[in-house]
Amino acid sequence: MKLFHKIFLCFVLLFGIAFQTAGFLLVNYAYGNAIEQEKKYAFQEFQQNKYILQSILYLEPELLGNGAGSLPNMAGRFTVPVALFSDDGVCIFSNTGMQPDFFVFNGEDDDQIAFRIFREGEESDIFVYGCIEQGDRKVSLVTETDISSVVDAQKSMIAYFQNIYIAILCISSPVIFLLTKVLTGSIKKVGKAAGRIAKGNYSERIGIEGKDEISELASDFNQMAQQIEEKVAELSDVARQKEDFAANFAHELKTPLTSVIGYADMLYCRELPKEEVKSAAEYILSEGMRLESLSLKLMDLFVLDKQDFLLERMSVKEMFENLVQGIDPVCRKHGAALHMEIEDSMIEVDYDLFKTMILNLVDNAVKADCRDVWVNGTQGRNIYQIRISDNGKGIPPKELGRITEAFYMVDKSRSRKQHGAGLGMALVSKIVRIHRAEMEIESDGKMGTAISIGFPLYEGGVDEENI
């Protein structure tokens, strides 16, 4: 059964039960009040006829002693039908609609009056009875008051209420139907949107306004859809990167291997002049060195993905004092001047990874045909920033978002001549993430590139013992 049908039936059932219960209580309350009023009236009739009987017995004390045959003329003296019983329970006189044996007395006292309601067919009566003493004689008086009108009124009220109930139920059912449809309409929107998302439409959103629970559900659903869309986009991007990685890796292997195999075959099969042999061997050596660089960097990338590193607190100044021995020869080899200015501070690093990162960044800078390389380290309030900049060819702004992808090269011909494979910045990016740092790359594509890496600053700041 659908939620719509469940809500509709529950509303109708609850409404029906509530209306019937309220009507039952109302009719019973009205009937109870009417009966109480009739009891008061019957009591008044009893008292009035009691006074009449006492007056008769006072004026005619011998009346009861003459037997039942002298009493029939008394019927016209009372305002309602009455019955008289002797103290031993024998009926002396009765003009009520009930048989004398209906009345059973339990020895009521003079000041005790009892009520009894009797229904037979379409008639309903209240009988009031009590004891009356006259001299040494004691009789019981029973008065009969017709309450058929009250019972008929109750039946009419019940029938009238049932008609109202049916009419209201017929009117309210369409209203409940519409309200249920409105209530479940928003849920249907969520369900339909979920179905469209399940079919691949991840940009689907629900436009429900308000502050109720359905609106909150729609808002949460939209957030979930946003997260799903972002995750799917991320997974698609990862899949694309893996495909590009595989294609580029195959291409990077195929090109040098084809050349190596071709030159080796030429050396093996043909007699060549010494200069051509040397040229072929030089090309084989160059391509072999590029393959070696490719394999080493690929190994580094795989190791970074699978290994946990313990970061240690180290002095930045001391690390660069050791690193300058590796940075300076790289700069001199490419004819670039090194300018280094480092403020001391304590950061948490893995020294070998940190060294690999700096050497890759400097190597990229000098390969960009620059004349100067600047390495600066400055301490801020919450971070320590290392900035490596050059005045080389620069990187086109549209390429900045992709240079950390594996095998991506801005200038492929220049990179291959320098034994590059487009893995340096991918390696740097992984090392930056391992150190919980943030990297920012700036370049206008015309003159130079600047790469800034912000390391979370250790709470101790500068180690005062080393200053």
Protein backbone atom coordinates (compact mmCIF):
# COMPACT_ATOMS: atom_id res chain seq x y z
CA MET A 1 0.00 0.00 0.00
CA LYS A 2 1.33 3.41 -0.97
CA LEU A 3 2.03 6.11 1.60
CA PHE A 4 -0.72 8.26 0.06
CA HIS A 5 -3.35 5.56 0.70
CA LYS A 6 -2.04 4.93 4.21
CA ILE A 7 -2.22 8.61 5.16
CA PHE A 8 -5.66 9.02 3.57
CA LEU A 9 -7.13 5.99 5.32
CA CYS A 10 -5.55 6.98 8.65
CA PHE A 11 -7.00 10.49 8.39
CA VAL A 12 -10.49 9.17 7.53
CA LEU A 13 -10.35 6.52 10.28
CA LEU A 14 -9.11 8.94 12.93
CA PHE A 15 -11.65 11.56 11.88
CA GLY A 16 -14.47 8.99 11.97
CA ILE A 17 -13.49 7.63 15.38
CA ALA A 18 -13.02 11.10 16.84
CA PHE A 19 -16.35 12.38 15.46
CA GLN A 20 -18.27 9.30 16.60
CA THR A 21 -16.70 9.42 20.06
CA ALA A 22 -17.46 13.12 20.40
CA GLY A 23 -21.03 12.56 19.23
CA PHE A 24 -21.53 9.63 21.60
CA LEU A 25 -20.27 11.64 24.55
CA LEU A 26 -22.37 14.66 23.56
CA VAL A 27 -25.61 12.65 23.14
CA ASN A 28 -25.02 10.81 26.40
CA TYR A 29 -24.30 14.07 28.17
CA ALA A 30 -27.49 15.65 26.82
CA TYR A 31 -29.51 12.52 27.66
CA GLY A 32 -28.05 12.41 31.17
CA ASN A 33 -28.97 16.05 31.77
CA ALA A 34 -32.48 15.41 30.44
CA ILE A 35 -32.91 12.38 32.73
CA GLU A 36 -31.72 14.41 35.71
CA GLN A 37 -34.28 17.07 34.88
CA GLU A 38 -36.97 14.39 34.57
CA LYS A 39 -35.90 12.96 37.94
CA LYS A 40 -36.30 16.36 39.52
CA TYR A 41 -39.73 16.71 37.92
CA ALA A 42 -40.70 13.19 39.00
CA PHE A 43 -39.52 13.94 42.54
CA GLN A 44 -41.63 17.09 42.57
CA GLU A 45 -44.62 15.07 41.36
CA PHE A 46 -43.95 12.50 44.06
CA GLN A 47 -43.81 15.17 46.76
CA GLN A 48 -46.98 16.81 45.48
CA ASN A 49 -48.88 13.52 45.39
CA LYS A 50 -47.45 12.59 48.77
CA TYR A 51 -48.97 15.75 50.23
CA ILE A 52 -52.26 14.93 48.48
CA LEU A 53 -52.26 11.42 49.95
CA GLN A 54 -51.40 12.72 53.41
CA SER A 55 -54.25 15.24 53.15
CA ILE A 56 -56.68 12.51 52.10
CA LEU A 57 -55.61 10.23 54.94
CA TYR A 58 -55.83 13.11 57.40
CA LEU A 59 -59.37 14.01 56.31
CA GLU A 60 -60.49 10.43 55.84
CA PRO A 61 -58.48 8.30 58.30
CA GLU A 62 -60.85 5.35 57.86
CA LEU A 63 -60.24 5.23 54.11
CA LEU A 64 -57.49 2.65 54.21
CA GLY A 65 -59.40 0.61 56.77
CA ASN A 66 -62.34 0.11 54.42
CA GLY A 67 -60.27 -2.06 52.07
CA ALA A 68 -59.31 -1.75 48.45
CA GLY A 69 -62.88 -1.49 47.28
CA SER A 70 -63.25 2.04 48.62
CA LEU A 71 -60.14 3.37 46.86
CA PRO A 72 -60.92 3.41 43.10
CA ASN A 73 -62.42 6.88 43.34
CA MET A 74 -59.04 8.17 44.53
CA ALA A 75 -57.48 8.01 41.02
CA GLY A 76 -58.84 11.38 40.03
CA ARG A 77 -57.33 13.09 43.07
CA PHE A 78 -53.68 12.48 41.99
CA THR A 79 -51.80 14.37 39.28
CA VAL A 80 -50.01 11.28 37.91
CA PRO A 81 -50.67 7.54 37.99
CA VAL A 82 -49.88 6.16 41.47
CA ALA A 83 -49.81 2.91 43.35
CA LEU A 84 -50.31 2.31 47.10
CA PHE A 85 -48.88 -0.63 48.97
CA SER A 86 -49.40 -1.70 52.55
CA ASP A 87 -46.49 -2.17 54.91
CA ASP A 88 -46.50 -5.91 54.15
CA GLY A 89 -46.11 -5.21 50.38
CA VAL A 90 -49.73 -5.88 49.32
CA CYS A 91 -51.04 -3.58 46.59
CA ILE A 92 -53.89 -1.47 47.93
CA PHE A 93 -54.45 0.69 44.85
CA SER A 94 -52.79 1.12 41.45
CA ASN A 95 -53.63 2.95 38.27
CA THR A 96 -50.06 2.71 36.85
CA GLY A 97 -49.20 0.95 33.64
CA MET A 98 -47.12 -1.67 35.50
CA GLN A 99 -48.29 -4.77 37.30
CA PRO A 100 -48.13 -4.60 41.13
CA ASP A 101 -45.64 -7.47 41.33
CA PHE A 102 -43.10 -5.28 39.44
CA PHE A 103 -42.43 -3.31 42.59
CA VAL A 104 -40.12 -4.91 45.11
CA PHE A 105 -39.48 -2.99 48.32
CA ASN A 106 -36.35 -3.31 50.40
CA GLY A 107 -37.70 -1.74 53.56
CA GLU A 108 -37.03 1.89 52.68
CA ASP A 109 -37.10 4.34 55.56
CA ASP A 110 -39.54 7.23 55.74
CA ASP A 111 -36.93 9.71 54.62
CA GLN A 112 -35.62 7.55 51.79
CA ILE A 113 -36.95 7.94 48.24
CA ALA A 114 -35.93 5.60 45.40
CA PHE A 115 -36.01 5.99 41.62
CA ARG A 116 -36.40 3.33 38.97
CA ILE A 117 -36.48 3.77 35.17
CA PHE A 118 -38.42 1.18 33.19
CA ARG A 119 -38.67 0.75 29.42
CA GLU A 120 -41.16 -1.46 27.64
CA GLY A 121 -41.67 -1.20 23.90
CA GLU A 122 -41.92 2.45 22.93
CA GLU A 123 -42.77 3.58 26.47
CA SER A 124 -40.34 4.73 29.16
CA ASP A 125 -41.26 5.76 32.72
CA ILE A 126 -39.64 6.90 35.93
CA PHE A 127 -41.08 5.36 39.09
CA VAL A 128 -40.48 7.14 42.39
CA TYR A 129 -41.46 5.38 45.60
CA GLY A 130 -41.23 6.10 49.30
CA CYS A 131 -42.95 5.38 52.64
CA ILE A 132 -45.77 7.43 54.24
CA GLU A 133 -46.98 7.03 57.84
CA GLN A 134 -50.42 8.02 58.95
CA GLY A 135 -51.09 7.31 62.62
CA ASP A 136 -50.24 3.70 63.19
CA ARG A 137 -50.64 2.88 59.53
CA LYS A 138 -47.72 2.78 57.07
CA VAL A 139 -48.11 2.75 53.30
CA SER A 140 -45.77 3.00 50.32
CA LEU A 141 -46.50 5.50 47.55
CA VAL A 142 -45.28 4.93 43.96
CA THR A 143 -45.65 7.62 41.32
CA GLU A 144 -45.24 7.05 37.55
CA THR A 145 -43.86 9.83 35.27
CA ASP A 146 -43.73 9.30 31.53
CA ILE A 147 -40.27 10.08 30.01
CA SER A 148 -40.92 8.63 26.55
CA SER A 149 -40.38 12.08 25.06
CA VAL A 150 -36.85 12.20 26.48
CA VAL A 151 -35.99 8.76 25.11
CA ASP A 152 -37.54 9.68 21.76
CA ALA A 153 -35.51 12.89 21.77
CA GLN A 154 -32.34 10.85 22.40
CA LYS A 155 -33.15 8.53 19.51
CA SER A 156 -33.88 11.51 17.28
CA MET A 157 -30.60 13.14 18.33
CA ILE A 158 -28.67 9.95 17.55
CA ALA A 159 -30.33 9.65 14.12
CA TYR A 160 -29.73 13.33 13.42
CA PHE A 161 -26.13 13.01 14.48
CA GLN A 162 -25.62 9.98 12.23
CA ASN A 163 -27.01 11.93 9.27
CA ILE A 164 -24.67 14.81 10.07
CA TYR A 165 -21.79 12.36 10.44
CA ILE A 166 -22.44 10.81 7.02
CA ALA A 167 -22.82 14.25 5.41
CA ILE A 168 -19.62 15.58 7.02
CA LEU A 169 -17.74 12.39 6.10
CA CYS A 170 -18.86 12.77 2.47
CA ILE A 171 -17.72 16.40 2.48
CA SER A 172 -14.52 15.86 4.41
CA SER A 173 -13.29 12.85 2.39
CA PRO A 174 -12.46 14.94 -0.71
CA VAL A 175 -10.89 17.58 1.54
CA ILE A 176 -8.78 14.92 3.28
CA PHE A 177 -7.91 13.53 -0.15
CA LEU A 178 -6.66 16.91 -1.34
CA LEU A 179 -4.75 17.57 1.89
CA THR A 180 -3.14 14.14 1.66
CA LYS A 181 -2.23 14.78 -1.95
CA VAL A 182 -0.64 18.12 -1.00
CA LEU A 183 1.19 16.51 1.91
CA THR A 184 2.56 13.62 -0.14
CA GLY A 185 3.18 15.77 -3.22
CA SER A 186 6.46 17.06 -1.81
CA ILE A 187 7.52 13.52 -0.92
CA LYS A 188 6.70 12.45 -4.48
CA LYS A 189 8.92 15.26 -5.76
CA VAL A 190 11.78 13.91 -3.64
CA GLY A 191 11.10 10.37 -4.88
CA LYS A 192 10.98 11.43 -8.55
CA ALA A 193 14.18 13.46 -8.13
CA ALA A 194 15.86 10.44 -6.52
CA GLY A 195 14.75 8.32 -9.48
CA ARG A 196 16.22 10.80 -11.97
CA ILE A 197 19.48 10.90 -10.02
CA ALA A 198 19.52 7.08 -10.04
CA LYS A 199 19.30 7.25 -13.85
CA GLY A 200 22.40 9.47 -13.99
CA ASN A 201 21.00 13.01 -13.85
CA TYR A 202 23.26 14.10 -10.98
CA SER A 203 22.47 17.80 -11.43
CA GLU A 204 18.86 17.23 -10.32
CA ARG A 205 17.66 19.49 -7.49
CA ILE A 206 14.35 19.91 -5.63
CA GLY A 207 12.76 23.36 -5.44
CA ILE A 208 10.68 23.17 -2.24
CA GLU A 209 10.39 26.26 -0.06
CA GLY A 210 9.26 26.54 3.54
CA LYS A 211 10.40 25.61 7.02
CA ASP A 212 8.62 22.31 7.63
CA GLU A 213 10.12 18.82 7.81
CA ILE A 214 9.54 18.19 4.09
CA SER A 215 11.48 21.35 3.23
CA GLU A 216 14.30 20.26 5.53
CA LEU A 217 14.26 16.86 3.83
CA ALA A 218 14.41 18.54 0.42
CA SER A 219 17.31 20.72 1.58
CA ASP A 220 19.19 17.67 2.91
CA PHE A 221 18.41 15.84 -0.33
CA ASN A 222 19.81 18.71 -2.40
CA GLN A 223 22.97 18.70 -0.29
CA MET A 224 23.24 14.94 -0.78
CA ALA A 225 22.75 15.36 -4.53
CA GLN A 226 25.43 18.07 -4.56
CA GLN A 227 27.84 15.76 -2.75
CA ILE A 228 27.00 12.91 -5.13
CA GLU A 229 27.53 15.15 -8.15
CA GLU A 230 30.87 16.35 -6.80
CA LYS A 231 31.91 12.80 -5.93
CA VAL A 232 30.92 11.48 -9.34
CA ALA A 233 32.79 14.34 -10.99
CA GLU A 234 35.80 13.58 -8.80
CA LEU A 235 35.64 9.87 -9.64
CA SER A 236 35.24 10.69 -13.33
CA ASP A 237 38.25 12.98 -13.12
CA VAL A 238 40.26 10.27 -11.33
CA ALA A 239 39.23 7.74 -13.98
CA ARG A 240 40.23 10.17 -16.73
CA GLN A 241 43.55 10.79 -15.03
CA LYS A 242 44.17 7.04 -14.77
CA GLU A 243 43.36 6.61 -18.44
CA ASP A 244 45.63 9.52 -19.33
CA PHE A 245 48.32 8.07 -17.06
CA ALA A 246 48.17 4.69 -18.78
CA ALA A 247 48.13 6.25 -22.27
CA ASN A 248 50.95 8.67 -21.48
CA PHE A 249 52.98 5.97 -19.75
CA ALA A 250 52.67 3.71 -22.80
CA HIS A 251 53.56 6.62 -25.07
CA GLU A 252 56.56 7.64 -22.96
CA LEU A 253 57.87 4.07 -23.11
CA LYS A 254 57.08 3.47 -26.76
CA THR A 255 58.88 6.50 -28.22
CA PRO A 256 62.35 5.94 -26.65
CA LEU A 257 62.14 2.16 -26.94
CA THR A 258 61.32 2.40 -30.63
CA SER A 259 64.31 4.68 -31.14
CA VAL A 260 66.62 2.50 -29.02
CA ILE A 261 65.54 -0.65 -30.87
CA GLY A 262 65.95 1.07 -34.25
CA TYR A 263 69.42 2.44 -33.52
CA ALA A 264 70.53 -0.84 -31.90
CA ASP A 265 69.33 -2.79 -34.93
CA MET A 266 71.15 -0.37 -37.20
CA LEU A 267 74.39 -0.83 -35.22
CA TYR A 268 73.93 -4.58 -35.23
CA CYS A 269 73.11 -5.05 -38.89
CA ARG A 270 75.20 -2.42 -40.64
CA GLU A 271 78.76 -1.27 -40.80
CA LEU A 272 78.69 2.44 -39.97
CA PRO A 273 81.28 5.15 -39.85
CA LYS A 274 82.68 5.94 -36.42
CA GLU A 275 80.80 9.27 -36.19
CA GLU A 276 77.45 7.66 -36.95
CA VAL A 277 78.12 4.90 -34.42
CA LYS A 278 78.94 7.50 -31.81
CA SER A 279 75.80 9.51 -32.66
CA ALA A 280 73.61 6.39 -32.42
CA ALA A 281 75.19 5.34 -29.16
CA GLU A 282 74.69 8.86 -27.79
CA TYR A 283 71.01 8.77 -28.69
CA ILE A 284 70.60 5.32 -27.12
CA LEU A 285 72.35 6.64 -23.98
CA SER A 286 70.09 9.72 -23.85
CA GLU A 287 66.89 7.72 -24.23
CA GLY A 288 68.12 5.17 -21.71
CA MET A 289 68.73 7.94 -19.17
CA ARG A 290 65.20 9.25 -19.75
CA LEU A 291 63.77 5.79 -19.20
CA GLU A 292 65.83 5.48 -16.03
CA SER A 293 64.49 8.84 -14.79
CA LEU A 294 60.96 7.75 -15.65
CA SER A 295 61.24 4.46 -13.77
CA LEU A 296 62.76 6.10 -10.68
CA LYS A 297 60.07 8.76 -10.45
CA LEU A 298 57.30 6.23 -11.03
CA MET A 299 58.73 4.18 -8.19
CA ASP A 300 58.74 7.27 -5.97
CA LEU A 301 55.09 7.97 -6.80
CA PHE A 302 54.02 4.41 -5.94
CA VAL A 303 56.01 4.47 -2.69
CA LEU A 304 54.39 7.75 -1.62
CA ASP A 305 50.92 6.25 -2.15
CA LYS A 306 51.59 3.17 -0.02
CA GLN A 307 53.88 4.33 2.78
CA ASP A 308 53.20 6.19 6.04
CA PHE A 309 55.76 8.84 6.91
CA LEU A 310 56.76 10.04 10.35
CA LEU A 311 57.23 13.83 10.34
CA GLU A 312 59.93 15.20 12.63
CA ARG A 313 60.48 18.69 13.97
CA MET A 314 63.48 20.20 12.17
CA SER A 315 65.15 23.59 11.66
CA VAL A 316 64.48 25.05 8.20
CA LYS A 317 67.78 26.92 8.14
CA GLU A 318 69.80 23.79 8.93
CA MET A 319 67.98 21.79 6.24
CA PHE A 320 68.74 24.38 3.54
CA GLU A 321 72.37 24.60 4.66
CA ASN A 322 72.59 20.91 3.75
CA LEU A 323 70.43 21.23 0.65
CA VAL A 324 72.48 24.04 -0.89
CA GLN A 325 75.17 21.48 -1.68
CA GLY A 326 72.71 19.76 -4.02
CA ILE A 327 70.92 22.87 -5.30
CA ASP A 328 73.97 24.94 -6.27
CA PRO A 329 75.46 22.40 -8.75
CA VAL A 330 72.09 22.09 -10.52
CA CYS A 331 71.92 25.87 -10.96
CA ARG A 332 75.53 26.14 -12.15
CA LYS A 333 75.00 23.30 -14.66
CA HIS A 334 72.26 25.32 -16.39
CA GLY A 335 73.97 28.69 -15.97
CA ALA A 336 71.53 30.08 -13.39
CA ALA A 337 72.46 32.15 -10.33
CA LEU A 338 71.10 30.95 -6.97
CA HIS A 339 69.78 33.54 -4.48
CA MET A 340 68.81 32.11 -1.10
CA GLU A 341 67.38 33.90 1.94
CA ILE A 342 65.99 31.70 4.72
CA GLU A 343 64.49 32.72 8.07
CA ASP A 344 64.87 30.06 10.71
CA SER A 345 61.88 28.24 12.19
CA MET A 346 60.83 24.76 13.26
CA ILE A 347 58.54 22.74 10.99
CA GLU A 348 57.56 19.07 10.89
CA VAL A 349 58.94 17.29 7.82
CA ASP A 350 60.36 14.07 6.45
CA TYR A 351 63.84 15.25 5.45
CA ASP A 352 64.27 12.92 2.44
CA LEU A 353 60.89 13.89 0.98
CA PHE A 354 61.53 17.58 1.70
CA LYS A 355 64.85 17.34 -0.12
CA THR A 356 63.24 15.59 -3.11
CA MET A 357 60.56 18.30 -3.29
CA ILE A 358 63.02 21.22 -3.23
CA LEU A 359 65.37 19.63 -5.76
CA ASN A 360 62.47 18.94 -8.16
CA LEU A 361 61.23 22.52 -7.90
CA VAL A 362 64.72 23.97 -8.48
CA ASP A 363 65.31 21.51 -11.35
CA ASN A 364 62.04 22.66 -13.01
CA ALA A 365 63.06 26.29 -12.56
CA VAL A 366 66.49 25.96 -14.17
CA LYS A 367 65.06 23.91 -17.07
CA ALA A 368 62.83 26.89 -17.93
CA ASP A 369 65.91 28.74 -19.35
CA CYS A 370 66.07 31.14 -16.43
CA ARG A 371 69.03 33.28 -15.39
CA ASP A 372 68.20 33.47 -11.68
CA VAL A 373 66.55 31.24 -9.09
CA TRP A 374 65.34 32.70 -5.79
CA VAL A 375 64.70 30.48 -2.75
CA ASN A 376 63.09 32.35 0.16
CA GLY A 377 61.77 31.16 3.50
CA THR A 378 59.66 33.44 5.69
CA GLN A 379 57.85 32.83 8.94
CA GLY A 380 54.29 34.06 9.31
CA ARG A 381 51.90 33.90 12.23
CA ASN A 382 50.53 30.41 11.55
CA ILE A 383 52.58 29.13 8.60
CA TYR A 384 56.12 28.97 7.34
CA GLN A 385 56.23 29.78 3.64
CA ILE A 386 58.89 28.58 1.19
CA ARG A 387 58.86 30.39 -2.14
CA ILE A 388 60.88 29.28 -5.17
CA SER A 389 60.75 31.67 -8.13
CA ASP A 390 62.60 32.15 -11.41
CA ASN A 391 62.71 34.48 -14.39
CA GLY A 392 62.39 31.78 -17.04
CA LYS A 393 59.77 31.17 -19.72
CA GLY A 394 56.85 30.83 -17.35
CA ILE A 395 53.70 28.71 -17.60
CA PRO A 396 50.56 29.73 -19.55
CA PRO A 397 47.76 30.52 -17.05
CA LYS A 398 45.40 27.97 -18.65
CA GLU A 399 47.99 25.23 -18.00
CA LEU A 400 48.45 25.95 -14.27
CA GLY A 401 45.62 23.63 -13.18
CA ARG A 402 47.15 20.58 -14.88
CA ILE A 403 50.87 20.76 -14.24
CA THR A 404 50.59 18.49 -11.18
CA GLU A 405 49.09 15.68 -13.31
CA ALA A 406 51.37 12.75 -14.04
CA PHE A 407 53.06 12.89 -17.47
CA TYR A 408 51.71 16.39 -18.16
CA MET A 409 54.36 18.60 -19.80
CA VAL A 410 53.91 22.21 -20.90
CA ASP A 411 56.72 21.96 -23.47
CA LYS A 412 56.99 18.27 -24.41
CA SER A 413 59.90 18.63 -26.84
CA ARG A 414 62.04 20.57 -24.33
CA SER A 415 61.18 18.16 -21.51
CA ARG A 416 62.18 15.09 -23.50
CA LYS A 417 65.49 16.67 -24.51
CA GLN A 418 66.20 17.21 -20.81
CA HIS A 419 65.17 13.62 -19.93
CA GLY A 420 61.92 14.83 -18.36
CA ALA A 421 58.75 12.71 -18.18
CA GLY A 422 56.26 15.11 -16.62
CA LEU A 423 56.34 13.44 -13.20
CA GLY A 424 58.26 16.04 -11.17
CA MET A 425 55.30 18.25 -10.19
CA ALA A 426 53.08 15.20 -9.55
CA LEU A 427 55.73 14.01 -7.11
CA VAL A 428 55.96 17.46 -5.50
CA SER A 429 52.17 17.63 -5.13
CA LYS A 430 52.08 14.31 -3.25
CA ILE A 431 54.91 15.38 -0.93
CA VAL A 432 53.08 18.64 -0.18
CA ARG A 433 49.94 16.69 0.82
CA ILE A 434 51.97 14.34 3.02
CA HIS A 435 53.26 17.37 4.94
CA ARG A 436 49.72 18.82 5.32
CA ALA A 437 50.96 21.88 3.47
CA GLU A 438 49.38 24.01 0.74
CA MET A 439 50.95 24.85 -2.62
CA GLU A 440 50.20 27.84 -4.83
CA ILE A 441 51.58 28.32 -8.36
CA GLU A 442 51.79 31.77 -9.96
CA SER A 443 52.79 32.60 -13.53
CA ASP A 444 51.65 34.97 -16.25
CA GLY A 445 53.04 32.72 -18.99
CA LYS A 446 55.58 35.35 -20.10
CA MET A 447 58.23 35.93 -17.47
CA GLY A 448 58.99 33.46 -14.70
CA THR A 449 57.12 31.22 -12.31
CA ALA A 450 56.71 31.39 -8.51
CA ILE A 451 55.72 28.40 -6.39
CA SER A 452 54.79 29.00 -2.73
CA ILE A 453 54.39 26.20 -0.18
CA GLY A 454 52.90 26.99 3.23
CA PHE A 455 53.77 24.56 6.03
CA PRO A 456 51.74 24.50 9.27
CA LEU A 457 53.94 26.28 11.80
CA TYR A 458 54.98 24.20 14.78
CA GLU A 459 53.65 25.71 18.02
CA GLY A 460 57.15 26.17 19.36
CA GLY A 461 58.06 28.51 16.45
CA VAL A 462 61.78 29.24 16.32
CA ASP A 463 63.94 27.02 18.49
CA GLU A 464 65.62 29.60 20.71
CA GLU A 465 68.50 27.24 21.62
CA ASN A 466 69.66 27.21 17.98
CA ILE A 467 69.65 31.00 17.54
